[in-house]
Protein backbone atom coordinates (compact mmCIF):
# COMPACT_ATOMS: atom_id res chain seq x y z
CA MET A 1 63.51 -13.26 -98.48
CA SER A 2 64.05 -16.93 -99.13
CA ILE A 3 61.64 -19.68 -98.21
CA TRP A 4 64.23 -21.63 -96.19
CA PRO A 5 63.35 -20.17 -92.75
CA LEU A 6 59.68 -21.03 -93.26
CA ALA A 7 60.51 -24.55 -94.43
CA PHE A 8 62.96 -25.09 -91.55
CA VAL A 9 60.59 -23.88 -88.82
CA SER A 10 57.68 -25.79 -90.37
CA GLY A 11 59.78 -28.96 -90.36
CA LEU A 12 60.79 -28.43 -86.74
CA THR A 13 57.17 -27.82 -85.75
CA PHE A 14 55.92 -30.90 -87.55
CA GLY A 15 58.75 -33.03 -86.10
CA ASP A 16 58.05 -31.75 -82.60
CA TYR A 17 54.37 -32.55 -83.04
CA LEU A 18 55.21 -36.10 -84.14
CA VAL A 19 57.53 -36.59 -81.14
CA TRP A 20 54.89 -35.20 -78.79
CA HIS A 21 52.19 -37.44 -80.24
CA TRP A 22 54.44 -40.53 -80.12
CA SER A 23 55.56 -39.85 -76.55
CA LEU A 24 51.97 -39.43 -75.32
CA ASN A 25 50.91 -42.72 -76.88
CA SER A 26 53.88 -44.68 -75.57
CA ASN A 27 53.87 -43.26 -72.01
CA HIS A 28 57.14 -41.30 -72.17
CA ASP A 29 56.13 -38.51 -69.80
CA VAL A 30 59.38 -36.51 -69.79
CA ILE A 31 59.67 -36.44 -73.57
CA ALA A 32 55.97 -35.56 -73.86
CA SER A 33 56.31 -32.64 -71.48
CA VAL A 34 59.46 -31.26 -73.15
CA SER A 35 58.07 -31.53 -76.66
CA GLY A 36 54.72 -30.21 -75.45
CA LEU A 37 56.40 -27.13 -74.01
CA THR A 38 58.35 -26.40 -77.20
CA LEU A 39 55.41 -26.97 -79.53
CA PRO A 40 53.46 -23.70 -78.89
CA PRO A 41 56.43 -21.33 -79.55
CA LEU A 42 57.32 -23.28 -82.68
CA GLY A 43 53.69 -23.11 -83.82
CA VAL A 44 53.58 -19.35 -83.28
CA ALA A 45 56.87 -18.87 -85.16
CA CYS A 46 55.61 -21.05 -88.01
CA MET A 47 52.37 -19.06 -88.30
CA TRP A 48 54.28 -15.76 -88.13
CA LEU A 49 56.61 -16.78 -90.96
CA LEU A 50 53.68 -18.09 -93.00
CA VAL A 51 51.77 -14.80 -92.66
CA LEU A 52 54.92 -12.78 -93.39
CA SER A 53 55.64 -14.80 -96.52
CA ALA A 54 52.04 -14.47 -97.69
CA MET A 55 52.13 -10.70 -97.20
CA ARG A 56 55.38 -10.43 -99.18
CA VAL A 57 53.90 -12.46 -102.03
CA LEU A 58 50.80 -10.24 -102.05
CA ALA A 59 52.91 -7.08 -101.99
CA ARG A 60 55.07 -8.33 -104.85
CA HIS A 61 51.97 -9.36 -106.80
CA GLY A 62 50.41 -5.93 -106.25
CA ARG A 63 53.38 -4.15 -107.81
CA ARG A 64 53.54 -6.27 -110.95
CA PRO A 65 50.91 -4.41 -113.04
CA ALA A 66 52.88 -1.15 -112.83
CA SER A 67 56.06 -2.74 -114.15
CA ARG A 68 54.08 -4.59 -116.79
CA ALA A 69 52.44 -1.31 -117.86
CA ARG A 70 55.87 0.33 -118.14
CA ARG A 71 57.12 -2.51 -120.31
CA LEU A 72 54.06 -2.26 -122.55
CA ALA A 73 54.48 1.52 -122.85
CA ALA A 74 58.17 1.07 -123.70
CA ASP A 75 57.32 -1.46 -126.39
CA ALA A 76 54.71 0.86 -127.89
CA GLN A 77 57.16 3.75 -128.27
CA PRO A 78 59.43 4.01 -131.32
CA GLY A 79 62.82 2.63 -130.41
CA GLY A 80 61.48 0.93 -127.29
CA ALA A 81 62.50 3.79 -124.94
CA PRO A 82 60.49 4.04 -121.72
CA ALA A 83 58.03 6.92 -121.48
CA THR A 84 59.46 8.60 -118.39
CA GLY A 85 61.52 11.65 -117.47
CA ALA A 86 62.93 14.40 -119.65
CA ARG A 87 63.31 12.34 -122.80
CA ALA A 88 59.56 11.84 -123.15
CA GLY A 89 58.75 15.46 -122.31
CA GLY A 90 57.10 14.42 -119.09
CA VAL A 91 55.98 16.69 -116.31
CA ARG A 92 58.29 17.08 -113.33
CA PRO A 93 56.78 16.59 -109.90
CA GLY A 94 55.99 19.95 -108.35
CA THR A 95 55.50 21.83 -111.62
CA ALA A 96 52.12 22.75 -113.00
CA GLY A 97 52.20 20.82 -116.24
CA ALA A 98 55.21 22.62 -117.77
CA PRO A 99 57.60 20.51 -119.85
CA GLN A 100 61.16 20.26 -118.61
CA ALA A 101 63.53 22.94 -119.81
CA THR A 102 66.26 20.59 -121.02
CA HIS A 103 63.86 18.72 -123.28
CA ALA A 104 62.40 21.89 -124.80
CA ALA A 105 65.86 23.37 -125.45
CA GLY A 106 67.15 20.09 -126.85
CA ALA A 107 64.14 19.69 -129.14
CA ALA A 108 64.65 23.21 -130.52
CA ARG A 109 68.23 22.35 -131.50
CA GLY A 110 67.27 18.89 -132.73
CA LYS A 111 69.27 16.99 -130.14
CA SER A 112 69.20 16.43 -126.39
CA SER A 113 72.08 16.69 -123.95
CA GLY A 114 70.69 13.76 -121.95
CA LYS A 115 71.04 15.68 -118.69
CA ILE A 116 68.16 16.22 -116.32
CA ALA A 117 67.53 19.71 -114.96
CA ALA A 118 68.00 20.06 -111.22
């Protein structure tokens, strides 16, 4: 999500607040009432977008260590290949620690087909 909706609504809210404040001080009752009625919904929308953006930043920040750990593991392996799936002899979900059949058969022949067992 881009930051443009938050910036746009924040600008509208701040502008509406300035108009409301100006119209109260210069005795423009109609303008003060219109801008005063539009200010609360704009404030709520601005707060909603601010909270939503903050939650997205926190969620993105929370996922970064996993991707960083994968990159570090890939750099540590010879050839820079990531340590996942059949090529690394990993354990398939749902199996009790058994290596995948395609990797074991490929290692016995000295080469791998590159296909993942279904």
